[in-house]
Amino acid sequence: MRRLIWTTVFLIAFSLPAWAQESLDNTYCSDHHGARVKIVSDSSARKLSEAGMTATGSSVIRINSGQLSNLSSNVRSFAVNFSCASLTLGHLVKGARDIYEHYDQVGNADCSAAAKLFYSGRLDLEGVVTLEEEINQLTREQWSHFPGPVRVVSLKDSCSLKPLN
């Protein structure tokens, strides 16, 4: 009986962080200066993925793998890549002058996040459409934990993703 309990505890302890471990180990992000972004797991983060700056000026992405755990791994990776794109494109350093520029920045980050998944081979064009559909089906509650503003995502039409071959 004791062995069964310890086996159960072991399996639970090492299976829960599987998504976070995979994405943290395989995600590379650099900020607008080309410096590597530190990606940390933070269970207190309000959103699935949050881009920010430390007190020393370093870029950081905080990931709360407990948020939106019912979404597919591609949507969760898109969220992390969206936060990365915000840092890479300098959106946290240079804010938008108006709402139009803000939504242009969001669209650019969306396309950058989708391109990272597409050109890494994780998604083909059909996968991009599936990703777009899943994101557009998020509820208001889910959007409150997803990076960026509530929006309609149109990746296939606005991002010009072309196969390399």
Protein backbone atom coordinates (compact mmCIF):
# COMPACT_ATOMS: atom_id res chain seq x y z
CA MET A 1 0.00 0.00 0.00
CA ARG A 2 2.82 2.38 0.88
CA ARG A 3 4.53 1.71 -2.42
CA LEU A 4 1.29 2.51 -4.29
CA ILE A 5 0.93 5.82 -2.44
CA TRP A 6 4.53 6.84 -3.16
CA THR A 7 4.17 5.83 -6.79
CA THR A 8 1.03 7.94 -7.10
CA VAL A 9 2.70 10.94 -5.45
CA PHE A 10 5.71 10.56 -7.76
CA LEU A 11 3.56 10.39 -10.90
CA ILE A 12 1.47 13.40 -9.91
CA ALA A 13 4.50 15.48 -8.97
CA PHE A 14 6.32 14.87 -12.23
CA SER A 15 3.39 14.93 -14.63
CA LEU A 16 1.83 18.29 -13.66
CA PRO A 17 4.61 20.59 -14.88
CA ALA A 18 5.02 18.75 -18.18
CA TRP A 19 3.69 21.59 -20.36
CA ALA A 20 5.67 24.28 -18.57
CA GLN A 21 8.84 22.21 -18.68
CA GLU A 22 8.49 21.58 -22.41
CA SER A 23 7.83 25.19 -23.32
CA LEU A 24 10.41 26.65 -20.95
CA ASP A 25 13.15 24.37 -22.24
CA ASN A 26 12.30 24.82 -25.91
CA THR A 27 11.42 28.51 -26.04
CA TYR A 28 14.05 31.03 -27.01
CA CYS A 29 13.24 34.70 -26.92
CA SER A 30 15.33 37.81 -27.34
CA ASP A 31 14.29 41.39 -26.66
CA HIS A 32 14.58 44.39 -28.99
CA HIS A 33 18.30 44.69 -28.12
CA GLY A 34 18.96 41.04 -28.96
CA ALA A 35 19.50 40.11 -25.30
CA ARG A 36 18.11 36.77 -24.18
CA VAL A 37 14.82 37.05 -22.30
CA LYS A 38 14.58 35.19 -19.02
CA ILE A 39 11.52 32.91 -18.97
CA VAL A 40 10.32 31.98 -15.50
CA SER A 41 7.48 29.95 -14.09
CA ASP A 42 5.29 32.11 -11.82
CA SER A 43 2.13 30.65 -10.33
CA SER A 44 1.08 34.12 -9.13
CA ALA A 45 0.94 35.59 -12.66
CA ARG A 46 -2.59 36.67 -13.59
CA LYS A 47 -2.18 35.71 -17.24
CA LEU A 48 -0.91 32.56 -18.91
CA SER A 49 2.06 34.55 -20.19
CA GLU A 50 3.16 38.06 -19.19
CA ALA A 51 6.00 40.08 -20.70
CA GLY A 52 7.70 42.58 -18.44
CA MET A 53 10.88 44.26 -17.30
CA THR A 54 12.85 43.69 -14.11
CA ALA A 55 14.12 46.50 -11.89
CA THR A 56 17.51 46.19 -13.60
CA GLY A 57 15.99 46.66 -17.06
CA SER A 58 16.18 43.03 -18.16
CA SER A 59 13.28 41.55 -20.08
CA VAL A 60 11.36 38.68 -18.53
CA ILE A 61 8.39 36.50 -19.43
CA ARG A 62 6.40 35.05 -16.55
CA ILE A 63 4.44 31.90 -17.34
CA ASN A 64 1.61 30.61 -15.18
CA SER A 65 1.09 27.10 -16.49
CA GLY A 66 -1.98 26.74 -14.27
CA GLN A 67 -3.89 29.35 -16.28
CA LEU A 68 -5.97 28.15 -19.23
CA SER A 69 -4.72 24.58 -18.88
CA ASN A 70 -7.65 23.35 -20.99
CA LEU A 71 -6.30 25.01 -24.16
CA SER A 72 -4.23 23.12 -26.72
CA SER A 73 -0.45 23.23 -26.51
CA ASN A 74 -0.34 25.26 -29.74
CA VAL A 75 -2.56 28.00 -28.30
CA ARG A 76 -0.50 28.03 -25.10
CA SER A 77 2.72 28.27 -27.13
CA PHE A 78 1.15 31.06 -29.21
CA ALA A 79 0.49 32.97 -25.97
CA VAL A 80 4.12 32.66 -24.88
CA ASN A 81 5.32 33.62 -28.36
CA PHE A 82 2.97 36.64 -28.31
CA SER A 83 4.64 37.85 -25.11
CA CYS A 84 8.04 37.21 -26.66
CA ALA A 85 7.06 39.18 -29.77
CA SER A 86 5.99 42.14 -27.62
CA LEU A 87 9.52 42.24 -26.20
CA THR A 88 11.28 41.55 -29.51
CA LEU A 89 9.34 44.30 -31.29
CA GLY A 90 9.98 46.77 -28.46
CA HIS A 91 6.33 47.34 -27.56
CA LEU A 92 7.04 47.59 -23.83
CA VAL A 93 9.76 50.17 -24.38
CA LYS A 94 7.95 52.27 -26.96
CA GLY A 95 4.28 52.52 -26.17
CA ALA A 96 1.61 53.26 -28.73
CA ARG A 97 0.63 56.87 -29.43
CA ASP A 98 -3.03 56.00 -29.94
CA ILE A 99 -5.43 53.07 -30.04
CA TYR A 100 -4.79 52.47 -33.75
CA GLU A 101 -1.06 52.10 -33.23
CA HIS A 102 -1.75 49.85 -30.23
CA TYR A 103 -3.84 47.46 -32.33
CA ASP A 104 -1.18 47.55 -35.07
CA GLN A 105 1.36 46.47 -32.45
CA VAL A 106 -0.97 43.69 -31.26
CA GLY A 107 -1.45 42.51 -34.86
CA ASN A 108 2.31 42.49 -35.42
CA ALA A 109 2.84 40.46 -32.24
CA ASP A 110 0.09 38.03 -33.32
CA CYS A 111 1.78 37.52 -36.70
CA SER A 112 5.19 37.11 -35.10
CA ALA A 113 3.83 34.50 -32.68
CA ALA A 114 2.11 32.59 -35.49
CA ALA A 115 5.21 32.81 -37.70
CA LYS A 116 7.36 31.31 -34.94
CA LEU A 117 5.05 28.28 -34.78
CA PHE A 118 4.68 28.07 -38.57
CA TYR A 119 8.35 28.37 -39.55
CA SER A 120 9.50 26.07 -36.74
CA GLY A 121 7.36 23.35 -38.34
CA ARG A 122 4.89 23.01 -35.47
CA LEU A 123 2.01 24.24 -37.64
CA ASP A 124 1.16 24.11 -41.30
CA LEU A 125 -1.39 26.46 -42.93
CA GLU A 126 -4.28 24.25 -41.77
CA GLY A 127 -2.82 24.31 -38.28
CA VAL A 128 -2.74 28.11 -38.39
CA VAL A 129 -6.45 28.14 -39.27
CA THR A 130 -7.18 25.73 -36.39
CA LEU A 131 -5.13 27.91 -34.03
CA GLU A 132 -7.01 31.00 -35.18
CA GLU A 133 -10.38 29.30 -34.65
CA GLU A 134 -9.46 28.10 -31.16
CA ILE A 135 -8.27 31.55 -30.10
CA ASN A 136 -11.39 33.22 -31.51
CA GLN A 137 -13.57 30.86 -29.47
CA LEU A 138 -12.10 32.03 -26.15
CA THR A 139 -14.67 33.26 -23.64
CA ARG A 140 -14.42 36.64 -21.89
CA GLU A 141 -13.17 34.81 -18.79
CA GLN A 142 -10.45 33.07 -20.80
CA TRP A 143 -9.43 36.34 -22.50
CA SER A 144 -8.80 37.84 -19.07
CA HIS A 145 -5.94 35.32 -18.68
CA PHE A 146 -4.66 35.46 -22.29
CA PRO A 147 -1.97 37.99 -23.28
CA GLY A 148 -3.06 41.06 -25.20
CA PRO A 149 -6.47 42.70 -25.49
CA VAL A 150 -9.70 40.92 -26.40
CA ARG A 151 -9.63 40.74 -30.18
CA VAL A 152 -10.54 38.79 -33.28
CA VAL A 153 -7.40 37.06 -34.50
CA SER A 154 -7.03 36.69 -38.28
CA LEU A 155 -3.67 35.03 -38.73
CA LYS A 156 -4.14 33.35 -42.11
CA ASP A 157 -5.41 36.48 -43.86
CA SER A 158 -3.20 39.14 -42.30
CA CYS A 159 0.14 37.43 -41.61
CA SER A 160 1.29 36.35 -45.11
CA LEU A 161 2.72 33.01 -43.97
CA LYS A 162 4.32 31.25 -46.94
CA PRO A 163 5.92 27.78 -46.93
CA LEU A 164 9.69 27.94 -47.41
CA ASN A 165 9.88 25.14 -50.00
